[in-house]
């Protein structure tokens, strides 16, 4: 009877340890997913900022070229 109790106790302890390991693995996966989601969101923000900056630079270059064209036509006149 004592051997059965010991065996059952070991089985329960093993099951508890396995459940704890699974919980820790799940927590790690959830944390990794959260980190990846944050990095993806940050990447999207950076891409959006870069696109906005590029558009601003393009507008500025167009404006500058227009001013140069006006100046050049004024010199020709």
Protein backbone atom coordinates (compact mmCIF):
# COMPACT_ATOMS: atom_id res chain seq x y z
CA UNK A 1 0.00 0.00 0.00
CA UNK A 2 2.82 2.36 0.86
CA UNK A 3 4.43 1.75 -2.57
CA UNK A 4 1.16 2.65 -4.29
CA UNK A 5 0.95 5.89 -2.32
CA UNK A 6 4.56 6.71 -3.20
CA UNK A 7 3.91 5.96 -6.86
CA UNK A 8 0.76 8.05 -6.87
CA UNK A 9 2.57 10.88 -5.10
CA UNK A 10 5.34 10.82 -7.72
CA UNK A 11 2.77 10.81 -10.53
CA UNK A 12 0.96 13.79 -9.02
CA UNK A 13 4.24 15.66 -8.47
CA UNK A 14 5.30 14.92 -12.03
CA UNK A 15 1.92 16.14 -13.33
CA UNK A 16 2.19 19.34 -11.31
CA UNK A 17 5.73 19.96 -12.56
CA UNK A 18 4.60 19.37 -16.15
CA UNK A 19 1.64 21.73 -15.72
CA UNK A 20 3.95 24.41 -14.29
CA UNK A 21 6.35 23.94 -17.20
CA UNK A 22 3.47 24.30 -19.66
CA UNK A 23 2.25 27.43 -17.89
CA UNK A 24 5.74 28.92 -18.06
CA UNK A 25 6.04 28.02 -21.76
CA UNK A 26 2.64 29.60 -22.45
CA UNK A 27 3.65 32.74 -20.57
CA UNK A 28 6.86 32.90 -22.60
CA UNK A 29 4.92 32.55 -25.86
CA UNK A 30 2.44 35.24 -24.85
CA UNK A 31 5.31 37.54 -23.91
CA UNK A 32 7.12 36.84 -27.19
CA UNK A 33 3.93 37.56 -29.16
CA UNK A 34 3.42 40.81 -27.27
CA UNK A 35 7.01 41.83 -28.00
CA UNK A 36 6.65 40.99 -31.69
CA UNK A 37 3.35 42.91 -31.90
CA UNK A 38 5.02 45.94 -30.30
CA UNK A 39 7.96 45.74 -32.71
CA UNK A 40 5.65 45.41 -35.70
CA UNK A 41 3.62 48.41 -34.51
CA UNK A 42 6.83 50.42 -34.01
CA UNK A 43 8.01 49.41 -37.47
CA UNK A 44 4.74 50.62 -38.95
CA UNK A 45 5.10 53.93 -37.10
CA UNK A 46 8.66 54.37 -38.36
CA UNK A 47 7.62 53.53 -41.93
CA UNK A 48 4.78 56.03 -41.73
CA UNK A 49 7.12 58.71 -40.36
CA UNK A 50 9.64 57.99 -43.12
CA UNK A 51 6.95 58.24 -45.80
CA UNK A 52 5.72 61.51 -44.35
CA UNK A 53 9.25 62.90 -44.27
CA UNK A 54 9.83 61.81 -47.86
CA UNK A 55 6.59 63.50 -48.95
CA UNK A 56 7.62 66.69 -47.15
CA UNK A 57 11.02 66.60 -48.85
CA UNK A 58 9.39 66.06 -52.24
CA UNK A 59 7.02 69.00 -51.69
CA UNK A 60 9.94 71.16 -50.63
CA UNK A 61 11.98 70.15 -53.67
CA UNK A 62 9.06 70.90 -55.99
CA UNK A 63 8.59 74.28 -54.36
CA UNK A 64 12.28 75.06 -54.68
CA UNK A 65 12.32 74.03 -58.35
CA UNK A 66 9.30 76.23 -59.03
CA UNK A 67 11.05 79.17 -57.41
CA UNK A 68 14.17 78.50 -59.46
CA UNK A 69 12.10 78.32 -62.65
CA UNK A 70 10.45 81.64 -61.79
CA UNK A 71 13.82 83.22 -61.07
CA UNK A 72 15.26 81.85 -64.29
CA UNK A 73 12.33 83.15 -66.35
CA UNK A 74 12.74 86.53 -64.68
CA UNK A 75 16.39 86.63 -65.72
CA UNK A 76 15.54 85.71 -69.29
CA UNK A 77 12.91 88.43 -69.56
